[in-house]
N, C-alpha and C. Protein backbone atom coordinates (compact mmCIF):
# COMPACT_ATOMS: atom_id res chain seq x y z
N MET A 1 -44.59 3.30 -20.10
CA MET A 1 -44.13 3.76 -18.82
C MET A 1 -45.31 4.33 -18.04
N ALA A 2 -45.41 3.96 -16.78
CA ALA A 2 -46.50 4.43 -15.93
C ALA A 2 -46.32 5.90 -15.59
N TYR A 3 -47.42 6.62 -15.52
CA TYR A 3 -47.31 7.99 -15.05
C TYR A 3 -47.50 8.01 -13.55
N ARG A 4 -46.96 9.03 -12.90
CA ARG A 4 -46.99 9.14 -11.45
C ARG A 4 -48.19 9.98 -11.02
N HIS A 5 -48.92 9.43 -10.04
CA HIS A 5 -50.04 10.16 -9.46
C HIS A 5 -50.16 9.77 -7.99
N ASP A 6 -49.77 10.69 -7.12
CA ASP A 6 -49.89 10.46 -5.69
C ASP A 6 -51.34 10.71 -5.27
N ILE A 7 -51.82 9.91 -4.30
CA ILE A 7 -53.20 10.06 -3.84
C ILE A 7 -53.25 10.21 -2.32
N VAL A 8 -54.36 10.77 -1.86
CA VAL A 8 -54.66 10.88 -0.44
C VAL A 8 -55.88 10.02 -0.19
N ILE A 9 -55.76 9.13 0.79
CA ILE A 9 -56.89 8.30 1.20
C ILE A 9 -57.35 8.79 2.57
N GLU A 10 -58.60 9.17 2.65
CA GLU A 10 -59.18 9.59 3.93
C GLU A 10 -59.67 8.34 4.64
N LYS A 11 -59.01 8.00 5.74
CA LYS A 11 -59.33 6.79 6.49
C LYS A 11 -60.80 6.81 6.90
N GLY A 12 -61.51 5.71 6.64
CA GLY A 12 -62.92 5.60 7.01
C GLY A 12 -63.89 6.18 6.00
N ALA A 13 -63.39 6.69 4.87
CA ALA A 13 -64.24 7.26 3.83
C ALA A 13 -64.09 6.44 2.55
N SER A 14 -65.13 6.40 1.74
CA SER A 14 -65.06 5.74 0.44
C SER A 14 -64.18 6.55 -0.49
N LEU A 15 -63.55 5.87 -1.43
CA LEU A 15 -62.67 6.54 -2.39
C LEU A 15 -63.01 6.05 -3.79
N ALA A 16 -63.10 6.97 -4.73
CA ALA A 16 -63.32 6.63 -6.13
C ALA A 16 -62.31 7.39 -6.99
N LEU A 17 -61.68 6.67 -7.90
CA LEU A 17 -60.72 7.26 -8.83
C LEU A 17 -61.08 6.83 -10.25
N GLU A 18 -60.77 7.66 -11.22
CA GLU A 18 -60.95 7.31 -12.62
C GLU A 18 -59.66 7.53 -13.37
N ILE A 19 -59.34 6.61 -14.26
CA ILE A 19 -58.17 6.73 -15.12
C ILE A 19 -58.69 6.73 -16.55
N ASP A 20 -58.42 7.81 -17.27
CA ASP A 20 -58.80 7.91 -18.68
C ASP A 20 -57.61 7.50 -19.53
N CYS A 21 -57.81 6.51 -20.38
CA CYS A 21 -56.76 6.01 -21.27
C CYS A 21 -56.99 6.60 -22.66
N ARG A 22 -56.03 7.38 -23.13
CA ARG A 22 -56.17 8.08 -24.41
C ARG A 22 -54.99 7.79 -25.31
N ASP A 23 -55.23 7.89 -26.63
CA ASP A 23 -54.13 7.76 -27.58
C ASP A 23 -53.49 9.13 -27.81
N GLU A 24 -52.53 9.21 -28.73
CA GLU A 24 -51.83 10.47 -28.97
C GLU A 24 -52.74 11.59 -29.45
N ASP A 25 -53.85 11.22 -30.10
CA ASP A 25 -54.80 12.22 -30.60
C ASP A 25 -55.81 12.65 -29.54
N GLY A 26 -55.76 12.01 -28.37
CA GLY A 26 -56.71 12.34 -27.31
C GLY A 26 -57.99 11.53 -27.36
N SER A 27 -58.07 10.59 -28.30
CA SER A 27 -59.25 9.73 -28.41
C SER A 27 -59.16 8.61 -27.38
N PRO A 28 -60.33 8.16 -26.85
CA PRO A 28 -60.31 7.06 -25.89
C PRO A 28 -59.72 5.79 -26.51
N LEU A 29 -58.88 5.10 -25.75
CA LEU A 29 -58.37 3.80 -26.19
C LEU A 29 -59.47 2.76 -26.10
N ALA A 30 -59.55 1.88 -27.05
CA ALA A 30 -60.51 0.77 -26.99
C ALA A 30 -59.95 -0.28 -26.04
N LEU A 31 -60.60 -0.47 -24.92
CA LEU A 31 -60.13 -1.40 -23.89
C LEU A 31 -60.92 -2.70 -23.88
N THR A 32 -61.51 -3.05 -25.02
CA THR A 32 -62.30 -4.27 -25.12
C THR A 32 -61.46 -5.48 -24.74
N GLY A 33 -61.97 -6.27 -23.80
CA GLY A 33 -61.28 -7.48 -23.36
C GLY A 33 -60.20 -7.24 -22.31
N CYS A 34 -59.99 -6.00 -21.92
CA CYS A 34 -58.97 -5.69 -20.93
C CYS A 34 -59.52 -5.84 -19.51
N THR A 35 -58.63 -6.14 -18.60
CA THR A 35 -58.96 -6.15 -17.17
C THR A 35 -57.96 -5.25 -16.46
N ALA A 36 -58.37 -4.73 -15.31
CA ALA A 36 -57.50 -3.85 -14.54
C ALA A 36 -57.41 -4.37 -13.11
N ALA A 37 -56.30 -4.07 -12.46
CA ALA A 37 -56.09 -4.41 -11.06
C ALA A 37 -55.30 -3.29 -10.41
N ALA A 38 -55.66 -2.97 -9.17
CA ALA A 38 -54.95 -1.91 -8.45
C ALA A 38 -54.91 -2.27 -6.97
N GLN A 39 -53.78 -1.96 -6.34
CA GLN A 39 -53.59 -2.28 -4.93
C GLN A 39 -52.84 -1.16 -4.22
N VAL A 40 -53.03 -1.14 -2.90
CA VAL A 40 -52.25 -0.29 -2.00
C VAL A 40 -51.42 -1.23 -1.13
N ARG A 41 -50.16 -0.90 -0.97
CA ARG A 41 -49.29 -1.60 -0.02
C ARG A 41 -48.60 -0.54 0.83
N HIS A 42 -48.29 -0.88 2.06
CA HIS A 42 -47.58 0.09 2.89
C HIS A 42 -46.14 0.25 2.42
N ARG A 43 -45.55 -0.84 1.94
CA ARG A 43 -44.21 -0.81 1.35
C ARG A 43 -44.23 -1.68 0.11
N HIS A 44 -43.40 -1.36 -0.86
CA HIS A 44 -43.34 -2.16 -2.09
C HIS A 44 -43.10 -3.64 -1.80
N ALA A 45 -42.27 -3.93 -0.81
CA ALA A 45 -41.86 -5.30 -0.53
C ALA A 45 -42.87 -6.10 0.29
N ASP A 46 -43.93 -5.47 0.78
CA ASP A 46 -44.93 -6.19 1.58
C ASP A 46 -45.52 -7.35 0.79
N GLY A 47 -45.70 -8.48 1.46
CA GLY A 47 -46.25 -9.67 0.81
C GLY A 47 -47.72 -9.56 0.46
N SER A 48 -48.46 -8.90 1.31
CA SER A 48 -49.91 -8.79 1.11
C SER A 48 -50.29 -7.32 0.92
N PRO A 49 -51.28 -7.07 0.08
CA PRO A 49 -51.74 -5.69 -0.08
C PRO A 49 -52.48 -5.20 1.16
N ALA A 50 -52.38 -3.92 1.43
CA ALA A 50 -53.14 -3.31 2.52
C ALA A 50 -54.59 -3.09 2.08
N ALA A 51 -54.80 -2.90 0.79
CA ALA A 51 -56.15 -2.73 0.23
C ALA A 51 -56.11 -3.09 -1.24
N VAL A 52 -57.21 -3.67 -1.72
CA VAL A 52 -57.36 -4.02 -3.13
C VAL A 52 -58.55 -3.25 -3.67
N PHE A 53 -58.31 -2.45 -4.70
CA PHE A 53 -59.38 -1.68 -5.32
C PHE A 53 -60.32 -2.59 -6.10
N LEU A 54 -61.60 -2.24 -6.11
CA LEU A 54 -62.53 -2.79 -7.08
C LEU A 54 -62.23 -2.05 -8.38
N ALA A 55 -61.93 -2.76 -9.45
CA ALA A 55 -61.56 -2.15 -10.72
C ALA A 55 -62.57 -2.52 -11.78
N GLN A 56 -63.13 -1.51 -12.44
CA GLN A 56 -64.10 -1.71 -13.51
C GLN A 56 -63.58 -1.02 -14.77
N VAL A 57 -63.59 -1.75 -15.88
CA VAL A 57 -63.13 -1.20 -17.15
C VAL A 57 -64.34 -0.82 -17.99
N ASP A 58 -64.41 0.45 -18.39
CA ASP A 58 -65.43 0.94 -19.32
C ASP A 58 -64.75 0.96 -20.68
N ALA A 59 -64.82 -0.17 -21.40
CA ALA A 59 -64.06 -0.36 -22.63
C ALA A 59 -64.32 0.70 -23.69
N PRO A 60 -65.59 1.02 -24.03
CA PRO A 60 -65.81 2.00 -25.10
C PRO A 60 -65.31 3.40 -24.76
N GLU A 61 -65.34 3.76 -23.48
CA GLU A 61 -64.93 5.10 -23.06
C GLU A 61 -63.44 5.18 -22.76
N GLY A 62 -62.74 4.04 -22.74
CA GLY A 62 -61.33 4.03 -22.41
C GLY A 62 -61.06 4.48 -20.99
N ARG A 63 -61.94 4.07 -20.09
CA ARG A 63 -61.87 4.55 -18.71
C ARG A 63 -61.82 3.38 -17.74
N ILE A 64 -61.03 3.54 -16.69
CA ILE A 64 -60.96 2.56 -15.61
C ILE A 64 -61.44 3.26 -14.34
N ARG A 65 -62.39 2.63 -13.68
CA ARG A 65 -62.91 3.16 -12.42
C ARG A 65 -62.42 2.29 -11.28
N LEU A 66 -61.81 2.93 -10.29
CA LEU A 66 -61.28 2.24 -9.12
C LEU A 66 -62.01 2.73 -7.88
N SER A 67 -62.29 1.82 -6.96
CA SER A 67 -62.95 2.25 -5.73
C SER A 67 -62.51 1.41 -4.54
N LEU A 68 -62.52 2.07 -3.39
CA LEU A 68 -62.32 1.43 -2.09
C LEU A 68 -63.52 1.78 -1.23
N GLN A 69 -64.02 0.82 -0.49
CA GLN A 69 -65.14 1.05 0.41
C GLN A 69 -64.62 1.64 1.72
N ALA A 70 -65.49 2.27 2.48
CA ALA A 70 -65.12 2.92 3.73
C ALA A 70 -64.47 1.94 4.71
N GLY A 71 -64.97 0.71 4.77
CA GLY A 71 -64.39 -0.29 5.66
C GLY A 71 -62.96 -0.64 5.29
N GLN A 72 -62.68 -0.63 3.99
CA GLN A 72 -61.31 -0.91 3.54
C GLN A 72 -60.35 0.21 3.94
N THR A 73 -60.78 1.45 3.78
CA THR A 73 -59.89 2.56 4.13
C THR A 73 -59.75 2.67 5.65
N ALA A 74 -60.79 2.32 6.39
CA ALA A 74 -60.71 2.37 7.86
C ALA A 74 -59.69 1.37 8.38
N ALA A 75 -59.48 0.28 7.66
CA ALA A 75 -58.56 -0.78 8.10
C ALA A 75 -57.10 -0.48 7.77
N LEU A 76 -56.83 0.59 7.04
CA LEU A 76 -55.45 0.93 6.70
C LEU A 76 -54.72 1.38 7.96
N GLY A 77 -53.65 0.66 8.31
CA GLY A 77 -53.02 0.86 9.61
C GLY A 77 -51.90 1.86 9.68
N LYS A 78 -51.31 2.23 8.55
CA LYS A 78 -50.16 3.13 8.57
C LYS A 78 -50.47 4.40 7.80
N PRO A 79 -49.75 5.49 8.10
CA PRO A 79 -50.09 6.79 7.48
C PRO A 79 -49.58 7.00 6.07
N GLN A 80 -48.88 6.01 5.50
CA GLN A 80 -48.42 6.17 4.13
C GLN A 80 -48.31 4.82 3.45
N GLY A 81 -48.13 4.89 2.16
CA GLY A 81 -47.99 3.66 1.37
C GLY A 81 -47.69 3.98 -0.07
N VAL A 82 -47.86 2.97 -0.91
CA VAL A 82 -47.66 3.09 -2.35
C VAL A 82 -48.83 2.39 -3.04
N TRP A 83 -49.06 2.75 -4.29
CA TRP A 83 -50.14 2.12 -5.04
C TRP A 83 -49.77 2.08 -6.51
N ASP A 84 -50.45 1.22 -7.23
CA ASP A 84 -50.36 1.26 -8.68
C ASP A 84 -51.59 0.59 -9.29
N CYS A 85 -51.73 0.78 -10.59
CA CYS A 85 -52.82 0.17 -11.35
C CYS A 85 -52.23 -0.42 -12.61
N ALA A 86 -52.55 -1.69 -12.86
CA ALA A 86 -52.05 -2.38 -14.04
C ALA A 86 -53.23 -2.80 -14.92
N LEU A 87 -53.00 -2.73 -16.21
CA LEU A 87 -53.99 -3.13 -17.21
C LEU A 87 -53.49 -4.37 -17.92
N THR A 88 -54.33 -5.40 -18.01
CA THR A 88 -53.98 -6.61 -18.75
C THR A 88 -54.79 -6.62 -20.04
N TRP A 89 -54.06 -6.67 -21.16
CA TRP A 89 -54.67 -6.68 -22.49
C TRP A 89 -55.10 -8.11 -22.84
N PRO A 90 -55.97 -8.29 -23.82
CA PRO A 90 -56.44 -9.63 -24.19
C PRO A 90 -55.33 -10.62 -24.55
N ASP A 91 -54.19 -10.12 -25.04
CA ASP A 91 -53.08 -11.02 -25.39
C ASP A 91 -52.19 -11.34 -24.19
N ALA A 92 -52.64 -10.97 -22.98
CA ALA A 92 -51.95 -11.21 -21.70
C ALA A 92 -50.79 -10.25 -21.44
N THR A 93 -50.60 -9.25 -22.28
CA THR A 93 -49.61 -8.20 -22.02
C THR A 93 -50.10 -7.37 -20.83
N VAL A 94 -49.21 -7.13 -19.89
CA VAL A 94 -49.54 -6.33 -18.71
C VAL A 94 -48.82 -4.99 -18.82
N GLN A 95 -49.57 -3.92 -18.61
CA GLN A 95 -49.05 -2.56 -18.69
C GLN A 95 -49.38 -1.84 -17.40
N ARG A 96 -48.35 -1.35 -16.72
CA ARG A 96 -48.62 -0.53 -15.52
C ARG A 96 -48.97 0.86 -16.00
N LEU A 97 -50.17 1.32 -15.65
CA LEU A 97 -50.66 2.61 -16.12
C LEU A 97 -50.24 3.77 -15.23
N VAL A 98 -50.37 3.58 -13.93
CA VAL A 98 -50.14 4.67 -12.99
C VAL A 98 -49.55 4.09 -11.71
N GLU A 99 -48.75 4.88 -11.03
CA GLU A 99 -48.17 4.49 -9.76
C GLU A 99 -47.92 5.74 -8.94
N GLY A 100 -47.82 5.55 -7.63
CA GLY A 100 -47.54 6.71 -6.81
C GLY A 100 -47.53 6.39 -5.33
N ARG A 101 -47.37 7.44 -4.58
CA ARG A 101 -47.39 7.34 -3.12
C ARG A 101 -48.81 7.56 -2.62
N VAL A 102 -49.04 7.04 -1.43
CA VAL A 102 -50.34 7.20 -0.77
C VAL A 102 -50.12 7.87 0.58
N ALA A 103 -50.88 8.90 0.84
CA ALA A 103 -50.94 9.51 2.18
C ALA A 103 -52.30 9.14 2.76
N ILE A 104 -52.29 8.62 3.96
CA ILE A 104 -53.54 8.18 4.60
C ILE A 104 -53.81 9.12 5.77
N THR A 105 -54.90 9.87 5.67
CA THR A 105 -55.22 10.83 6.72
C THR A 105 -56.16 10.18 7.74
N PRO A 106 -55.94 10.44 9.04
CA PRO A 106 -56.78 9.82 10.06
C PRO A 106 -58.17 10.43 10.09
N GLU A 107 -59.10 9.62 10.57
CA GLU A 107 -60.47 10.12 10.69
C GLU A 107 -60.72 10.61 12.11
N VAL A 108 -61.65 11.52 12.25
CA VAL A 108 -62.07 12.02 13.55
C VAL A 108 -63.46 11.46 13.87
N THR A 109 -64.37 11.58 12.91
CA THR A 109 -65.74 11.10 13.11
C THR A 109 -65.78 9.62 12.78
N ARG A 110 -66.13 8.81 13.80
CA ARG A 110 -66.20 7.36 13.61
C ARG A 110 -67.54 6.85 14.06
C-alpha cells in the first residue's frame, strides 16, 4: 500500500525529492534492476501528465531520487494536482510507493 505524502511545488523553481525504501528492520531495500516513474496530473482522470519527474534509482542505498526542472514547474497551469511514484521490480511487478496531493504556488520573480 502506498503511503501518502502531499507536496508543494514552487512554480518556476527546481524540485528534488528523495524516497527511502526500507524493510521492517530499517535496512535499505535492494533495488537492483528496479525502475521508478513519477508524474503530476491536475486530476486523476487527465489523459496526459502535467509533469513527468526524472527518476533515478540508487539500488544499493534503497533510494529513489525524483526531480523536476524549473521549466517544467513553470509550465504547470493549475494551482493543484495529484502525484504518485511507482516502482517496477525486475519481475515486472509494479508497486505504488507514494501518492498525494500537489499544491502549486505561483512565482513572483520571473
